[in-house]
Protein backbone atom coordinates (compact mmCIF):
# COMPACT_ATOMS: atom_id res chain seq x y z
CA MET A 1 -67.28 51.27 -89.35
CA ASN A 2 -69.61 48.46 -90.49
CA ALA A 3 -72.48 50.11 -88.65
CA LEU A 4 -71.89 53.41 -90.42
CA ILE A 5 -71.66 51.70 -93.80
CA LEU A 6 -74.89 49.80 -93.18
CA MET A 7 -76.62 53.00 -92.10
CA THR A 8 -75.49 54.66 -95.33
CA ALA A 9 -76.82 51.76 -97.42
CA VAL A 10 -80.24 52.03 -95.78
CA SER A 11 -80.27 55.81 -96.05
CA ILE A 12 -79.87 55.81 -99.80
CA GLY A 13 -82.62 53.31 -100.38
CA GLN A 14 -80.39 50.40 -101.37
CA PRO A 15 -80.00 46.93 -99.83
CA ALA A 16 -77.62 46.42 -96.96
CA PRO A 17 -74.89 43.99 -98.10
CA PRO A 18 -73.41 41.23 -95.99
CA THR A 19 -71.66 42.70 -92.97
CA ASN A 20 -68.23 41.88 -94.32
CA LEU A 21 -68.80 43.90 -97.50
CA PRO A 22 -69.02 47.66 -98.16
CA ALA A 23 -72.42 49.31 -98.62
CA ILE A 24 -74.26 49.00 -101.90
CA PRO A 25 -74.56 52.50 -103.36
CA THR A 26 -77.18 54.47 -105.24
CA PRO A 27 -75.48 55.40 -108.53
CA GLY A 28 -76.65 57.56 -111.37
CA ALA A 29 -76.66 57.55 -115.11
CA VAL A 30 -77.88 59.41 -118.16
CA ALA A 31 -78.34 59.58 -121.86
CA GLN A 32 -75.22 60.43 -123.88
CA PRO A 33 -74.98 63.68 -125.88
CA MET A 34 -75.97 63.42 -129.53
CA PRO A 35 -73.14 63.58 -132.09
CA PRO A 36 -73.05 66.64 -134.36
CA ALA A 37 -75.04 66.38 -137.56
CA GLY A 38 -73.31 65.82 -140.87
CA GLU A 39 -72.82 68.36 -143.66
CA MET A 40 -75.80 69.65 -145.65
CA PRO A 41 -76.34 68.05 -149.07
CA PRO A 42 -75.15 69.98 -152.15
CA ALA A 43 -77.41 72.48 -153.90
CA ASN A 44 -79.66 71.21 -156.67
CA GLY A 45 -79.81 72.50 -160.26
CA ASN A 46 -82.00 75.46 -159.29
CA GLY A 47 -79.41 76.76 -156.84
CA GLU A 48 -81.49 75.59 -153.88
CA LYS A 49 -80.42 73.12 -151.25
CA ALA A 50 -81.60 69.64 -152.03
CA PRO A 51 -83.87 68.12 -149.38
CA GLU A 52 -82.06 66.11 -146.76
CA PRO A 53 -82.42 62.37 -147.35
CA GLU A 54 -84.37 60.34 -144.84
CA PRO A 55 -81.93 58.74 -142.37
CA GLU A 56 -81.58 55.03 -142.81
CA LYS A 57 -83.42 53.10 -140.13
CA PRO A 58 -81.31 50.45 -138.44
CA GLU A 59 -82.20 46.85 -139.12
CA PRO A 60 -84.47 45.61 -136.31
CA TYR A 61 -83.15 42.89 -134.05
CA ALA A 62 -84.50 39.34 -133.86
CA LEU A 63 -87.54 39.92 -131.64
CA MET A 64 -89.01 42.68 -133.80
CA ARG A 65 -88.26 40.78 -137.00
CA LEU A 66 -90.12 37.81 -135.58
CA LEU A 67 -93.08 39.93 -134.46
CA SER A 68 -93.30 41.64 -137.85
CA THR A 69 -94.31 38.30 -139.38
CA THR A 70 -97.51 38.38 -137.32
CA GLN A 71 -100.59 40.56 -137.68
CA PHE A 72 -100.05 41.94 -134.20
CA GLY A 73 -96.45 42.88 -135.01
CA GLN A 74 -97.43 44.54 -138.27
CA ARG A 75 -99.94 46.71 -136.41
CA MET A 76 -97.23 47.64 -133.91
CA VAL A 77 -94.96 48.80 -136.73
CA GLU A 78 -97.77 50.74 -138.40
CA ASN A 79 -98.44 52.58 -135.14
CA GLY A 80 -94.77 53.30 -134.45
CA TRP A 81 -94.19 50.79 -131.61
CA SER A 82 -91.11 48.63 -131.26
CA VAL A 83 -89.92 45.93 -128.85
CA SER A 84 -86.26 45.08 -128.30
CA GLY A 85 -83.78 44.12 -125.62
CA TRP A 86 -80.61 42.29 -124.75
CA VAL A 87 -78.99 39.86 -122.34
CA GLU A 88 -75.70 40.80 -120.69
CA GLY A 89 -73.45 38.70 -118.48
CA ASN A 90 -69.91 39.13 -117.18
CA TYR A 91 -67.10 37.25 -115.50
CA THR A 92 -64.52 39.22 -113.48
CA LEU A 93 -61.16 38.30 -112.00
CA GLY A 94 -59.23 40.59 -109.67
CA THR A 95 -57.13 41.09 -106.60
CA ALA A 96 -60.16 41.06 -104.25
CA ARG A 97 -61.11 37.73 -102.71
CA ARG A 98 -64.86 38.17 -103.13
CA SER A 99 -66.17 41.74 -103.43
CA ASN A 100 -65.06 44.58 -105.71
CA LEU A 101 -67.21 47.16 -103.88
CA PRO A 102 -67.33 50.15 -103.97
CA VAL A 103 -66.97 49.34 -107.68
CA THR A 104 -70.44 48.26 -108.75
CA PHE A 105 -72.22 46.30 -111.50
CA ASN A 106 -69.32 43.81 -111.68
CA ASP A 107 -69.06 43.84 -107.88
CA ARG A 108 -68.16 40.13 -107.54
CA THR A 109 -64.78 38.49 -108.16
CA ASP A 110 -64.41 35.04 -109.70
CA PHE A 111 -68.16 34.80 -110.23
CA TRP A 112 -70.40 34.76 -113.31
CA GLN A 113 -73.04 37.50 -113.10
CA MET A 114 -76.12 37.82 -115.30
CA ASN A 115 -76.20 41.62 -115.23
CA GLN A 116 -79.20 42.44 -117.38
CA ASN A 117 -82.03 40.73 -119.15
CA PHE A 118 -83.24 44.03 -120.56
CA LEU A 119 -86.58 44.63 -122.29
CA ARG A 120 -87.58 47.88 -124.03
CA ILE A 121 -91.05 48.77 -125.34
CA ASP A 122 -90.96 52.08 -127.18
CA LYS A 123 -93.03 54.46 -129.27
CA ALA A 124 -90.70 57.19 -130.44
CA ILE A 125 -91.71 60.75 -131.29
CA ASP A 126 -90.50 62.36 -134.53
CA THR A 127 -89.92 66.02 -133.64
CA GLY A 128 -89.29 66.78 -137.31
CA LYS A 129 -93.01 66.45 -137.97
CA ASN A 130 -95.03 69.58 -137.29
CA GLU A 131 -97.92 67.77 -135.63
CA PHE A 132 -99.10 66.72 -132.17
CA GLN A 133 -97.79 63.25 -131.27
CA LEU A 134 -97.98 60.82 -128.38
CA GLY A 135 -95.27 58.33 -127.41
CA GLY A 136 -93.68 56.61 -124.49
CA ARG A 137 -91.23 54.03 -123.25
CA ALA A 138 -91.00 51.21 -120.73
CA GLU A 139 -87.67 49.57 -119.83
CA LEU A 140 -87.32 46.63 -117.49
CA ILE A 141 -84.50 44.45 -116.15
CA LEU A 142 -86.11 40.98 -116.05
CA PRO A 143 -84.12 40.16 -113.92
CA GLY A 144 -80.42 40.90 -113.36
CA THR A 145 -77.80 41.64 -110.74
CA ASP A 146 -77.68 45.28 -111.92
CA SER A 147 -81.15 45.80 -110.46
CA ARG A 148 -79.64 45.73 -106.96
CA PHE A 149 -78.21 49.16 -107.77
CA THR A 150 -80.88 50.66 -110.07
CA ILE A 151 -84.11 50.01 -108.12
CA ALA A 152 -85.73 53.21 -106.85
CA ARG A 153 -87.18 53.49 -103.38
CA GLY A 154 -90.91 52.85 -103.42
CA LEU A 155 -90.95 50.62 -106.52
CA PHE A 156 -90.10 46.92 -106.04
CA ASP A 157 -87.55 47.84 -103.37
CA GLN A 158 -88.87 45.11 -101.06
CA GLN A 159 -86.70 42.74 -103.11
CA LEU A 160 -83.63 44.40 -101.62
CA ARG A 161 -84.52 43.86 -97.98
CA ASN A 162 -83.26 40.95 -95.94
CA GLY A 163 -86.05 38.47 -95.31
CA ALA A 164 -86.81 35.11 -93.79
CA ASN A 165 -85.20 33.38 -96.77
CA GLY A 166 -81.80 34.57 -95.59
CA GLY A 167 -81.23 37.69 -97.64
CA ALA A 168 -82.21 40.03 -100.44
CA ARG A 169 -82.77 38.68 -103.94
CA LYS A 170 -79.58 38.35 -105.97
CA TYR A 171 -81.46 38.77 -109.27
CA PRO A 172 -84.23 41.31 -108.66
CA VAL A 173 -86.57 42.80 -111.27
CA ASP A 174 -86.59 46.55 -111.95
CA LEU A 175 -88.97 48.80 -113.86
CA TYR A 176 -86.17 51.18 -114.77
CA GLN A 177 -88.16 53.56 -116.95
CA ALA A 178 -91.91 53.98 -117.49
CA TYR A 179 -93.12 57.23 -119.00
CA GLY A 180 -95.47 58.72 -121.52
CA GLU A 181 -94.62 61.75 -123.60
CA ALA A 182 -96.29 64.20 -125.96
CA PHE A 183 -94.93 66.54 -128.62
CA PHE A 184 -96.54 69.98 -128.87
CA PRO A 185 -95.43 71.59 -132.19
CA ASP A 186 -96.68 75.09 -131.30
CA LEU A 187 -95.13 75.24 -127.82
CA GLY A 188 -91.79 77.01 -128.29
CA PRO A 189 -89.82 78.00 -131.40
CA LYS A 190 -89.39 74.40 -132.59
CA GLY A 191 -91.94 72.59 -130.44
CA THR A 192 -91.69 71.01 -127.00
CA THR A 193 -91.66 67.39 -125.84
CA VAL A 194 -93.20 66.81 -122.40
CA ARG A 195 -92.36 63.58 -120.55
CA VAL A 196 -94.27 62.35 -117.48
CA GLY A 197 -93.46 59.31 -115.35
CA LYS A 198 -90.26 57.61 -114.18
CA PHE A 199 -87.30 58.33 -116.43
CA ALA A 200 -83.50 58.10 -116.54
CA THR A 201 -81.60 61.08 -115.19
CA HIS A 202 -80.10 63.61 -117.56
CA VAL A 203 -76.92 63.90 -115.46
CA GLY A 204 -73.62 62.51 -116.72
CA TYR A 205 -72.27 60.61 -119.71
CA GLU A 206 -72.66 56.91 -118.95
CA LEU A 207 -75.86 54.86 -118.97
CA VAL A 208 -77.53 51.98 -117.16
CA GLN A 209 -78.37 50.42 -120.54
CA ALA A 210 -75.48 47.98 -121.03
CA ALA A 211 -75.63 47.85 -124.82
CA GLU A 212 -75.46 51.65 -125.12
CA THR A 213 -72.69 52.63 -122.70
CA PRO A 214 -68.92 52.22 -123.23
CA PHE A 215 -67.97 49.92 -120.31
CA LEU A 216 -69.23 47.15 -118.08
CA GLN A 217 -67.19 48.78 -115.28
CA ARG A 218 -68.91 52.12 -114.61
CA SER A 219 -67.23 55.28 -113.34
CA TYR A 220 -67.57 56.51 -109.75
CA LEU A 221 -69.32 59.61 -111.11
CA PHE A 222 -71.95 57.30 -112.59
CA GLN A 223 -72.21 55.00 -109.59
CA TYR A 224 -72.68 57.67 -106.92
CA ASN A 225 -75.03 60.17 -108.55
CA PRO A 226 -78.70 59.86 -109.61
CA PHE A 227 -80.12 57.04 -111.72
CA THR A 228 -83.75 58.05 -112.17
CA HIS A 229 -86.33 60.73 -111.39
CA THR A 230 -90.12 60.59 -111.14
CA GLY A 231 -92.10 63.62 -112.29
CA ALA A 232 -92.31 65.78 -115.44
CA TRP A 233 -89.62 66.87 -117.92
CA ALA A 234 -89.98 69.31 -120.84
CA ILE A 235 -87.47 69.53 -123.73
CA THR A 236 -87.59 72.73 -125.84
CA PRO A 237 -85.20 73.37 -128.77
CA LEU A 238 -84.67 77.12 -129.10
CA ASN A 239 -82.93 76.88 -132.48
CA ASP A 240 -80.58 74.51 -134.32
CA THR A 241 -77.86 75.07 -131.67
CA TRP A 242 -79.49 75.55 -128.27
CA THR A 243 -81.95 73.36 -126.35
CA VAL A 244 -83.29 73.99 -122.87
CA SER A 245 -84.97 71.37 -120.67
CA ASN A 246 -86.74 71.85 -117.35
CA GLY A 247 -88.53 69.54 -114.95
CA LEU A 248 -90.03 69.04 -111.52
CA VAL A 249 -89.57 65.69 -109.75
CA VAL A 250 -89.86 64.19 -106.25
CA GLY A 251 -86.11 63.64 -105.77
CA SER A 252 -83.48 61.23 -107.06
CA ASP A 253 -83.86 57.44 -107.10
CA ASN A 254 -87.25 57.45 -105.42
CA PHE A 255 -90.72 56.74 -106.79
CA ILE A 256 -94.15 57.45 -105.30
CA ASP A 257 -93.06 57.20 -101.69
CA SER A 258 -93.23 58.92 -98.32
CA ALA A 259 -89.67 60.10 -98.98
CA SER A 260 -90.27 62.88 -101.50
CA ARG A 261 -89.23 66.50 -101.87
CA LEU A 262 -89.91 68.94 -104.69
CA THR A 263 -86.78 68.99 -106.85
CA TYR A 264 -85.88 71.01 -109.95
CA ILE A 265 -83.98 69.35 -112.79
CA GLY A 266 -82.58 71.30 -115.71
CA GLN A 267 -80.35 71.04 -118.75
CA LEU A 268 -78.83 73.51 -121.20
CA LYS A 269 -77.58 71.89 -124.40
CA TRP A 270 -75.25 73.51 -126.94
CA ALA A 271 -74.86 71.46 -130.12
CA PRO A 272 -74.06 73.40 -133.33
CA LYS A 273 -75.58 71.58 -136.26
CA ASP A 274 -72.38 71.37 -138.28
CA GLY A 275 -69.92 71.51 -135.40
CA LYS A 276 -67.61 68.91 -133.92
CA THR A 277 -68.15 69.93 -130.30
CA ASN A 278 -71.22 69.93 -128.05
CA ALA A 279 -71.82 70.62 -124.38
CA LEU A 280 -74.43 69.79 -121.74
CA PHE A 281 -74.83 71.59 -118.42
CA ASN A 282 -77.09 69.66 -116.03
CA VAL A 283 -78.43 70.40 -112.55
CA VAL A 284 -80.50 68.71 -109.85
CA VAL A 285 -81.49 71.30 -107.23
CA THR A 286 -83.55 70.83 -104.08
CA ASP A 287 -83.34 71.47 -100.35
CA PRO A 288 -80.15 69.38 -99.93
CA ARG A 289 -80.78 68.16 -96.40
CA PHE A 290 -80.82 64.52 -95.36
CA ASP A 291 -84.37 63.41 -94.44
CA VAL A 292 -83.75 61.88 -91.03
CA ALA A 293 -87.34 60.70 -90.52
CA GLU A 294 -87.30 58.77 -93.81
CA ALA A 295 -83.57 57.94 -93.73
CA PHE A 296 -83.23 59.21 -97.30
CA PRO A 297 -80.74 61.60 -98.95
CA PHE A 298 -81.77 64.65 -100.94
CA TYR A 299 -78.79 66.34 -102.55
CA ASN A 300 -77.81 68.83 -105.26
CA VAL A 301 -75.88 67.92 -108.40
CA TYR A 302 -74.06 70.15 -110.92
CA ASN A 303 -72.72 68.41 -114.03
CA LEU A 304 -70.94 69.36 -117.26
CA VAL A 305 -70.39 67.03 -120.24
CA LEU A 306 -68.21 68.12 -123.17
CA THR A 307 -67.88 66.01 -126.32
CA HIS A 308 -65.49 66.65 -129.22
CA ASN A 309 -65.23 64.58 -132.40
CA PHE A 310 -61.74 64.98 -133.84
CA ASN A 311 -62.80 62.98 -136.89
CA ASP A 312 -65.01 60.03 -137.80
CA LYS A 313 -62.86 57.68 -135.71
CA LEU A 314 -61.59 59.60 -132.65
CA THR A 315 -63.87 61.08 -129.95
CA TYR A 316 -63.06 62.78 -126.63
CA VAL A 317 -65.50 63.26 -123.71
CA LEU A 318 -65.11 65.14 -120.41
CA ASP A 319 -67.67 64.41 -117.68
CA THR A 320 -67.36 66.41 -114.46
CA THR A 321 -69.74 66.58 -111.47
CA PHE A 322 -70.03 68.23 -108.05
CA SER A 323 -72.64 67.01 -105.51
CA HIS A 324 -73.37 67.99 -101.91
CA ILE A 325 -75.70 67.25 -98.98
CA ASP A 326 -76.26 68.65 -95.47
CA GLY A 327 -77.49 67.25 -92.17
CA VAL A 328 -76.33 63.65 -92.46
CA PRO A 329 -76.44 61.96 -89.03
CA ASN A 330 -72.92 61.53 -87.57
CA VAL A 331 -71.48 63.10 -90.74
CA GLY A 332 -72.90 66.61 -91.16
CA SER A 333 -72.30 68.13 -94.57
CA ALA A 334 -70.67 66.05 -97.27
CA THR A 335 -69.46 66.56 -100.83
CA TRP A 336 -68.42 64.21 -103.60
CA TYR A 337 -67.04 65.36 -106.94
CA GLY A 338 -64.74 64.43 -109.75
CA ALA A 339 -63.98 64.26 -113.45
CA ALA A 340 -63.80 61.40 -115.94
CA GLN A 341 -62.16 61.64 -119.36
CA TYR A 342 -62.88 59.25 -122.24
CA LEU A 343 -61.01 58.71 -125.49
CA SER A 344 -62.63 56.37 -128.01
CA TYR A 345 -61.17 55.18 -131.30
CA LYS A 346 -63.14 53.31 -133.95
CA HIS A 347 -60.65 50.92 -135.52
CA THR A 348 -63.14 49.27 -137.89
CA ASP A 349 -66.90 49.05 -138.28
CA THR A 350 -66.90 46.26 -135.69
CA VAL A 351 -64.05 47.17 -133.29
CA THR A 352 -63.84 50.21 -130.99
CA SER A 353 -61.47 50.78 -128.09
CA THR A 354 -62.05 53.22 -125.22
CA ALA A 355 -59.86 54.50 -122.39
CA ARG A 356 -61.18 56.26 -119.28
CA VAL A 357 -59.18 58.14 -116.62
CA GLU A 358 -61.09 59.36 -113.56
CA LEU A 359 -60.50 61.23 -110.31
CA PHE A 360 -63.28 61.06 -107.70
CA GLU A 361 -63.19 62.64 -104.23
CA ASP A 362 -65.56 61.34 -101.55
CA THR A 363 -64.68 63.82 -98.80
CA LYS A 364 -66.32 61.97 -95.88
CA GLY A 365 -67.01 58.54 -97.35
CA PHE A 366 -70.77 59.21 -97.43
CA ARG A 367 -71.26 57.70 -100.89
CA THR A 368 -68.65 54.96 -101.15
CA GLY A 369 -68.22 54.05 -97.48
CA ALA A 370 -64.56 55.15 -97.49
CA ARG A 371 -63.32 58.73 -97.70
CA GLY A 372 -60.49 59.86 -99.91
CA LEU A 373 -59.48 60.50 -103.49
CA TYR A 374 -60.19 57.60 -105.83
CA THR A 375 -58.18 57.25 -109.03
CA GLU A 376 -59.27 54.74 -111.64
CA VAL A 377 -57.96 53.90 -115.10
CA THR A 378 -59.97 51.65 -117.41
CA TYR A 379 -59.31 50.34 -120.92
CA GLY A 380 -61.64 48.19 -122.95
CA VAL A 381 -62.34 46.91 -126.44
CA SER A 382 -65.79 46.42 -127.93
CA TRP A 383 -66.04 43.86 -130.74
CA ALA A 384 -69.30 43.26 -132.61
CA PRO A 385 -68.58 40.40 -135.04
CA LYS A 386 -72.29 40.07 -135.89
CA PRO A 387 -75.19 42.51 -135.60
CA GLY A 388 -76.57 42.20 -132.11
CA LEU A 389 -73.54 40.38 -130.64
CA ILE A 390 -70.96 42.33 -128.60
CA PHE A 391 -67.86 41.12 -126.74
CA ARG A 392 -66.11 43.54 -124.33
CA PRO A 393 -62.87 42.59 -122.54
CA THR A 394 -61.86 45.28 -120.02
CA VAL A 395 -59.07 45.93 -117.51
CA ARG A 396 -59.26 48.44 -114.63
CA TYR A 397 -57.05 49.74 -111.81
CA ASP A 398 -58.43 51.59 -108.74
CA HIS A 399 -56.57 53.39 -105.92
CA ASN A 400 -57.67 55.34 -102.84
CA ASN A 401 -55.06 57.73 -101.39
CA THR A 402 -56.56 57.87 -97.86
CA SER A 403 -58.57 54.75 -97.02
CA ARG A 404 -58.43 51.02 -97.67
CA PRO A 405 -61.88 50.34 -99.22
CA PHE A 406 -61.05 47.23 -101.26
CA GLU A 407 -61.30 44.44 -98.68
CA GLY A 408 -58.79 46.29 -96.47
CA LYS A 409 -56.49 47.35 -99.30
CA PRO A 410 -56.02 50.74 -101.00
CA ASP A 411 -55.73 49.21 -104.49
CA LEU A 412 -57.86 47.00 -106.73
CA PHE A 413 -57.08 45.46 -110.10
CA THR A 414 -59.83 43.80 -112.13
CA ALA A 415 -60.02 42.15 -115.53
CA ALA A 416 -63.53 41.57 -116.83
CA PHE A 417 -65.21 40.08 -119.87
CA ASP A 418 -68.84 40.73 -120.69
CA MET A 419 -71.00 39.59 -123.58
CA ILE A 420 -74.16 41.24 -124.86
CA LEU A 421 -76.71 39.54 -127.11
CA ARG A 422 -79.33 41.92 -128.49
CA TYR A 423 -82.75 40.67 -129.51
């Protein structure tokens, strides 16, 4: 069993863990759907709609405020650039003696982890302006334990290999995103944004970015589907309700590497301007056969995310995904699929609670190292007493109905606390 798990870890481009632990997976993540826009402003005295007010820009965090006092920082602001980031750490207790795998990100028990020292350099594009624009983004984890799961094959992945020093780095560095983009106002009914480089996947609801996702403890759907793609991605709004996006990449969770295969990525977004519900249908489609020569998986993904805002305080999200692969050595064809439901309630301007209930089937244990139906229930509270400071206590229960993946047990209970300081 250990041999199979280690083979799986190598095949997905991630580090092989100690032999007494399950394999480290290749998860996936994506940007969350945008909330529906608010109501239009009332008509003016001439019977015409008054112009929409400019949205208030959020107060910059400490690093940008400090830079803005310098000539260099002022030039950055004038040219639309910003720099920001955060530090996240967590401490987890649970029923496991040492490892929480196949639960990732807080994969250690009774151990303080520095998950992310995250840096973002960004030049945003304003698609409301009818003019050609250039922008881009770079995001790095400098360093953090999360990088052990986010690093793509072919880019800094040597940090994950066992070496003469006795093992892979516990706090590796990851260039998570690095892309340039351009807005073409005359390409399509409302313009088109073209992105080229390494970018976060569009699949799913949760995110790698700790400060912008609901939980420290990620879902199985997030953990065992794509993180990033390398290639080109075009976003074209058709009208105020529909947006279509298409791209060509070299696979999932690989960079410029000998393991590459032409892969189509696509998204259809439905988001009525004044509605309370929106939907995203996402796909990753390639020749879904395991590359035996490169020991790397290429697989197809089909994902649907539905979001409904009952009111200003209560939001419901359904995230459901089906993935499959063929030709895996000693496994053959494999599928993994499931659904996660989220219910978030905003108690005050500083306190939000979120519950998640998920079912995830790993039919042959290809992704998690243990086959069976996983059930997990998570509840957490996010408290932001000051701008840029977030505390998140969380409890989670996991169960597998077929295997015993949690250090020889079918169940796992964890209680975690993470803190995020934005700068």
